[in-house]
Amino acid sequence: MNTLITIVGPTAIGKTALSIQLANHFNCEIISCDSRQFYKEMSIGTAVPDTSELAAATHHFIQDRSIFENYNVGSFEKDGLRKLDHLFTKNPVQIMVGGSGLYVDAILKGLDYFPSVPAEIRNKLNNDLEKEGIVFLQEQLKTLDIDAYNTIAIDNPQRLIRALEICIGTGKTYSSFKNKKKAPRNFNIIKIGLNADRQVIYERINNRVNLMIEKGLLDEVKALYEHRHLNALQTVGYKELFKYLEGNYSLDDAVAEIQKNTRRFAKRQLTWFRKDPETIWFDYKTEIEKIILEIKNKV
């Protein structure tokens, strides 16, 4: 049967390098499920694989669309499964890699169904976010759906607005639509997790952010400043530098905020991925041969 090897773990842990090693070993291709790397206008701040990494293995869903396109996890589920169907005709083993837990689950488990709601509801919530701030929306969700408030990443504006628009648009709670029975997948799943001591993860994150600044992240953000309201740009590394450009932070403070918020993001990633008992965890320094042996025992 076809097998999808999925590599997960916190940001900056080394998922890209491992995915390329495994793709070369199994002579297969890589599907990226990092929701920040879809967009061609965002490169440095999303840690897109560099030219040599992209040349080392065939990648899909890397910078293949624009920030001006309306793309979401539902669209990714359909596109990703369609792409996998094609790739499996060439090789029964394929690789998926990324740190976006919801996008990983979309491919491996399927999404919950949510009814469509009028676009003006989302527009109003985006305006409320800009004018009133995220705490205003968090308190609104707390009133409308305490279960969602306690379970989703409420400091993620996109997740927060998604939950609120369902509550407002349907008159039902967002959480009431969750965890319904979903269609089974037609492939085996092997889930590999990379991890390290917390201090190691934090040091790797801090170093990566410093390297992003050296590579020209500020110039990348300046070029996108006029589009800062777009959903794709409501992400760590960009929103902090937007505040610097608006005079709310010094550059040093903005960099420190990026590092802090990325560390928080990594903590949320680990919380999400650890919920799956089927994940096989390895220290980030584990030799590739050991990981390959474990995979072959599961295929």
Protein backbone atom coordinates (compact mmCIF):
# COMPACT_ATOMS: atom_id res chain seq x y z
CA MET A 1 0.00 0.00 0.00
CA ASN A 2 1.12 3.59 -0.57
CA THR A 3 2.85 5.25 2.37
CA LEU A 4 3.15 8.91 3.32
CA ILE A 5 6.08 9.71 5.61
CA THR A 6 5.24 12.90 7.47
CA ILE A 7 7.89 14.91 9.33
CA VAL A 8 6.73 17.25 12.08
CA GLY A 9 8.22 19.20 14.95
CA PRO A 10 8.91 22.74 16.15
CA THR A 11 10.23 25.43 13.87
CA ALA A 12 14.01 25.54 13.28
CA ILE A 13 14.48 21.91 14.41
CA GLY A 14 15.77 20.59 11.05
CA LYS A 15 12.67 19.18 9.34
CA THR A 16 13.68 20.43 5.89
CA ALA A 17 17.11 18.79 6.01
CA LEU A 18 15.65 15.47 7.14
CA SER A 19 12.92 15.54 4.49
CA ILE A 20 15.52 15.99 1.73
CA GLN A 21 17.65 13.13 3.07
CA LEU A 22 14.62 10.84 3.16
CA ALA A 23 13.40 11.94 -0.28
CA ASN A 24 16.82 11.13 -1.73
CA HIS A 25 16.92 7.76 0.00
CA PHE A 26 13.43 6.71 -1.14
CA ASN A 27 13.77 8.48 -4.52
CA CYS A 28 10.55 10.38 -3.97
CA GLU A 29 9.23 13.95 -3.75
CA ILE A 30 8.26 16.34 -0.97
CA ILE A 31 4.95 18.00 -0.20
CA SER A 32 5.29 21.06 2.02
CA CYS A 33 2.45 21.72 4.44
CA ASP A 34 3.96 24.86 5.93
CA SER A 35 1.18 27.39 5.51
CA ARG A 36 3.65 30.31 5.54
CA GLN A 37 5.77 28.97 2.70
CA PHE A 38 2.98 28.89 0.09
CA TYR A 39 3.49 32.55 -0.84
CA LYS A 40 6.07 33.72 -3.35
CA GLU A 41 6.31 37.22 -1.85
CA MET A 42 7.41 35.80 1.52
CA SER A 43 10.77 34.08 1.48
CA ILE A 44 13.24 35.10 4.17
CA GLY A 45 10.71 35.42 6.99
CA THR A 46 9.19 32.01 6.30
CA ALA A 47 12.51 30.12 6.09
CA VAL A 48 11.75 28.80 2.62
CA PRO A 49 14.25 26.08 1.58
CA ASP A 50 17.18 27.70 -0.22
CA THR A 51 18.13 27.13 -3.85
CA SER A 52 20.40 24.18 -3.12
CA GLU A 53 17.76 22.51 -0.93
CA LEU A 54 15.06 22.96 -3.57
CA ALA A 55 17.42 21.50 -6.17
CA ALA A 56 18.22 18.48 -3.99
CA ALA A 57 14.65 17.13 -4.15
CA THR A 58 11.43 18.01 -5.95
CA HIS A 59 9.19 20.14 -3.71
CA HIS A 60 5.50 20.97 -4.03
CA PHE A 61 3.50 23.84 -2.50
CA ILE A 62 6.55 26.05 -1.99
CA GLN A 63 5.95 29.65 -3.09
CA ASP A 64 3.40 28.50 -5.65
CA ARG A 65 0.87 31.29 -5.13
CA SER A 66 0.53 34.96 -4.22
CA ILE A 67 -0.42 36.63 -0.95
CA PHE A 68 -3.26 38.23 -2.93
CA GLU A 69 -4.91 34.83 -3.50
CA ASN A 70 -7.50 33.56 -1.07
CA TYR A 71 -6.04 30.20 -0.03
CA ASN A 72 -7.00 28.21 3.05
CA VAL A 73 -6.59 24.82 4.67
CA GLY A 74 -9.67 23.45 2.92
CA SER A 75 -8.19 24.24 -0.47
CA PHE A 76 -4.88 22.74 0.62
CA GLU A 77 -6.56 19.48 1.65
CA LYS A 78 -8.05 19.07 -1.83
CA ASP A 79 -4.88 20.14 -3.65
CA GLY A 80 -2.60 18.04 -1.44
CA LEU A 81 -4.62 14.84 -1.80
CA ARG A 82 -4.85 15.33 -5.56
CA LYS A 83 -1.08 15.83 -5.74
CA LEU A 84 -0.46 12.72 -3.63
CA ASP A 85 -2.68 10.62 -5.90
CA HIS A 86 -0.44 11.64 -8.79
CA LEU A 87 2.85 11.15 -6.92
CA PHE A 88 1.88 7.69 -5.72
CA THR A 89 1.59 6.58 -9.36
CA LYS A 90 5.35 7.20 -9.60
CA ASN A 91 6.49 5.90 -6.22
CA PRO A 92 4.54 4.19 -3.38
CA VAL A 93 6.49 6.22 -0.79
CA GLN A 94 6.22 10.00 -0.56
CA ILE A 95 7.27 12.65 1.98
CA MET A 96 5.29 15.45 3.62
CA VAL A 97 6.95 18.01 5.87
CA GLY A 98 5.85 21.08 7.80
CA GLY A 99 5.12 22.71 11.10
CA SER A 100 1.51 23.80 10.49
CA GLY A 101 -0.45 21.30 12.57
CA LEU A 102 -3.85 22.03 11.06
CA TYR A 103 -2.49 21.58 7.54
CA VAL A 104 -0.80 18.31 8.52
CA ASP A 105 -4.08 17.03 9.94
CA ALA A 106 -5.97 18.15 6.84
CA ILE A 107 -3.99 15.67 4.75
CA LEU A 108 -3.66 12.87 7.29
CA LYS A 109 -7.10 12.95 8.91
CA GLY A 110 -9.36 15.27 6.94
CA LEU A 111 -11.03 18.49 8.01
CA ASP A 112 -14.18 19.13 9.94
CA TYR A 113 -17.02 20.49 7.80
CA PHE A 114 -18.04 24.08 8.40
CA PRO A 115 -20.90 25.81 6.56
CA SER A 116 -20.11 28.87 4.47
CA VAL A 117 -20.81 32.27 6.02
CA PRO A 118 -21.18 35.72 4.43
CA ALA A 119 -17.88 37.40 3.57
CA GLU A 120 -18.95 40.61 5.29
CA ILE A 121 -18.72 38.87 8.67
CA ARG A 122 -15.01 38.14 8.15
CA ASN A 123 -14.47 41.67 6.82
CA LYS A 124 -16.04 43.17 9.95
CA LEU A 125 -13.96 40.92 12.21
CA ASN A 126 -10.78 41.96 10.38
CA ASN A 127 -11.76 45.59 10.89
CA ASP A 128 -12.44 44.91 14.58
CA LEU A 129 -9.02 43.29 14.87
CA GLU A 130 -7.33 46.33 13.36
CA LYS A 131 -9.29 48.91 15.38
CA GLU A 132 -9.92 47.15 18.71
CA GLY A 133 -7.07 44.64 18.90
CA ILE A 134 -6.90 40.91 19.36
CA VAL A 135 -8.01 40.90 23.02
CA PHE A 136 -11.38 42.34 21.95
CA LEU A 137 -11.93 39.37 19.63
CA GLN A 138 -10.68 36.89 22.21
CA GLU A 139 -13.24 38.14 24.73
CA GLN A 140 -15.95 37.87 22.08
CA LEU A 141 -15.07 34.23 21.44
CA LYS A 142 -14.94 33.55 25.17
CA THR A 143 -18.57 34.67 25.37
CA LEU A 144 -19.79 32.85 22.25
CA ASP A 145 -17.86 29.57 22.52
CA ILE A 146 -15.86 28.87 25.66
CA ASP A 147 -14.79 25.43 24.37
CA ALA A 148 -13.21 26.96 21.27
CA TYR A 149 -11.66 29.69 23.41
CA ASN A 150 -9.97 27.03 25.52
CA THR A 151 -8.75 24.83 22.66
CA ILE A 152 -7.78 26.89 19.61
CA ALA A 153 -4.69 29.11 19.30
CA ILE A 154 -6.45 32.31 20.31
CA ASP A 155 -3.33 34.42 19.75
CA ASN A 156 -3.44 33.43 16.07
CA PRO A 157 -5.69 36.06 14.39
CA GLN A 158 -6.68 33.77 11.51
CA ARG A 159 -7.78 30.93 13.79
CA LEU A 160 -9.59 33.36 16.08
CA ILE A 161 -11.48 35.06 13.26
CA ARG A 162 -12.36 31.70 11.69
CA ALA A 163 -13.97 30.51 14.93
CA LEU A 164 -15.83 33.78 15.42
CA GLU A 165 -17.19 33.96 11.89
CA ILE A 166 -18.68 30.47 12.27
CA CYS A 167 -20.27 31.40 15.61
CA ILE A 168 -21.71 34.61 14.25
CA GLY A 169 -22.67 33.30 10.81
CA THR A 170 -24.39 30.10 11.94
CA GLY A 171 -25.69 30.98 15.39
CA LYS A 172 -24.00 27.79 16.62
CA THR A 173 -20.67 27.29 18.35
CA TYR A 174 -17.55 26.66 16.29
CA SER A 175 -16.72 23.67 18.51
CA SER A 176 -20.06 22.00 17.69
CA PHE A 177 -18.82 21.39 14.13
CA LYS A 178 -15.60 19.73 15.28
CA ASN A 179 -14.61 16.06 15.42
CA LYS A 180 -17.25 14.61 13.09
CA LYS A 181 -16.51 11.36 11.25
CA LYS A 182 -14.23 11.90 8.26
CA ALA A 183 -13.37 9.96 5.10
CA PRO A 184 -10.53 7.43 5.60
CA ARG A 185 -7.24 7.91 3.73
CA ASN A 186 -6.10 5.45 1.07
CA PHE A 187 -2.46 5.44 2.21
CA ASN A 188 -0.46 4.33 5.23
CA ILE A 189 0.89 7.06 7.49
CA ILE A 190 4.26 7.10 9.22
CA LYS A 191 4.68 10.20 11.34
CA ILE A 192 8.21 11.20 12.38
CA GLY A 193 8.70 13.91 15.00
CA LEU A 194 11.93 15.83 15.61
CA ASN A 195 12.57 17.38 19.00
CA ALA A 196 15.31 18.70 21.29
CA ASP A 197 15.70 20.13 24.76
CA ARG A 198 13.76 23.36 25.11
CA GLN A 199 16.91 25.47 25.48
CA VAL A 200 18.34 23.99 22.27
CA ILE A 201 15.12 24.80 20.38
CA TYR A 202 15.14 28.35 21.73
CA GLU A 203 18.78 28.90 20.77
CA ARG A 204 18.13 27.59 17.25
CA ILE A 205 15.14 29.91 16.93
CA ASN A 206 17.07 32.95 18.16
CA ASN A 207 19.92 32.19 15.77
CA ARG A 208 17.55 31.69 12.85
CA VAL A 209 15.85 35.05 13.47
CA ASN A 210 19.23 36.80 13.62
CA LEU A 211 20.19 35.13 10.34
CA MET A 212 16.91 36.26 8.75
CA ILE A 213 17.73 39.85 9.69
CA GLU A 214 21.22 39.47 8.20
CA LYS A 215 19.72 38.08 4.98
CA GLY A 216 17.49 41.13 4.54
CA LEU A 217 14.18 40.37 6.25
CA LEU A 218 13.60 44.06 6.95
CA ASP A 219 13.80 44.91 3.25
CA GLU A 220 11.38 42.06 2.48
CA VAL A 221 8.94 43.46 5.05
CA LYS A 222 9.30 47.02 3.75
CA ALA A 223 8.33 45.81 0.28
CA LEU A 224 5.16 44.25 1.74
CA TYR A 225 4.23 47.06 4.13
CA GLU A 226 1.39 48.51 2.05
CA HIS A 227 -0.25 45.07 2.02
CA ARG A 228 0.12 44.46 5.76
CA HIS A 229 -3.65 43.99 6.20
CA LEU A 230 -3.66 40.74 4.19
CA ASN A 231 -4.23 37.50 6.13
CA ALA A 232 -1.05 35.92 4.78
CA LEU A 233 1.01 38.65 6.43
CA GLN A 234 -0.54 38.30 9.89
CA THR A 235 2.36 36.13 10.93
CA VAL A 236 5.41 36.15 13.15
CA GLY A 237 8.39 37.95 11.64
CA TYR A 238 6.28 40.32 9.59
CA LYS A 239 3.81 41.84 12.03
CA GLU A 240 6.59 42.78 14.48
CA LEU A 241 8.60 44.56 11.78
CA PHE A 242 5.45 46.29 10.55
CA LYS A 243 5.20 47.75 14.07
CA TYR A 244 8.85 48.81 13.85
CA LEU A 245 8.12 50.61 10.58
CA GLU A 246 5.16 52.32 12.26
CA GLY A 247 7.43 53.55 15.07
CA ASN A 248 6.02 51.29 17.78
CA TYR A 249 9.27 49.33 18.30
CA SER A 250 12.97 49.94 17.95
CA LEU A 251 14.59 47.47 15.57
CA ASP A 252 16.22 45.62 18.47
CA ASP A 253 12.88 45.37 20.25
CA ALA A 254 11.18 44.11 17.07
CA VAL A 255 13.81 41.39 16.66
CA ALA A 256 13.42 40.39 20.30
CA GLU A 257 9.64 40.19 19.81
CA ILE A 258 10.07 37.98 16.74
CA GLN A 259 12.28 35.64 18.75
CA LYS A 260 9.85 35.58 21.67
CA ASN A 261 6.78 35.01 19.50
CA THR A 262 8.56 32.30 17.49
CA ARG A 263 9.47 30.52 20.72
CA ARG A 264 5.81 30.64 21.73
CA PHE A 265 4.84 29.31 18.31
CA ALA A 266 7.27 26.40 18.73
CA LYS A 267 5.72 25.57 22.09
CA ARG A 268 2.24 25.47 20.49
CA GLN A 269 3.54 23.28 17.68
CA LEU A 270 4.89 20.71 20.15
CA THR A 271 1.63 20.75 22.11
CA TRP A 272 -0.28 20.05 18.91
CA PHE A 273 1.97 17.31 17.57
CA ARG A 274 2.34 15.52 20.89
CA LYS A 275 -1.40 14.86 20.90
CA ASP A 276 -0.86 12.11 18.30
CA PRO A 277 0.37 8.94 20.05
CA GLU A 278 1.34 7.41 16.69
CA THR A 279 4.17 9.90 16.15
CA ILE A 280 7.65 8.38 16.43
CA TRP A 281 9.91 10.94 18.10
CA PHE A 282 13.65 11.35 17.51
CA ASP A 283 16.22 13.76 18.85
CA TYR A 284 17.12 16.24 16.13
CA LYS A 285 20.71 14.89 16.06
CA THR A 286 19.66 11.28 15.43
CA GLU A 287 21.59 9.64 12.60
CA ILE A 288 19.59 9.32 9.40
CA GLU A 289 20.27 5.57 9.21
CA LYS A 290 18.39 4.99 12.46
CA ILE A 291 15.36 6.93 11.22
CA ILE A 292 15.37 5.10 7.88
CA LEU A 293 15.53 1.74 9.68
CA GLU A 294 12.52 2.68 11.81
CA ILE A 295 10.60 3.73 8.70
CA LYS A 296 11.43 0.52 6.85
CA ASN A 297 10.16 -1.48 9.81
CA LYS A 298 6.83 0.33 9.44
CA VAL A 299 6.41 0.27 5.66
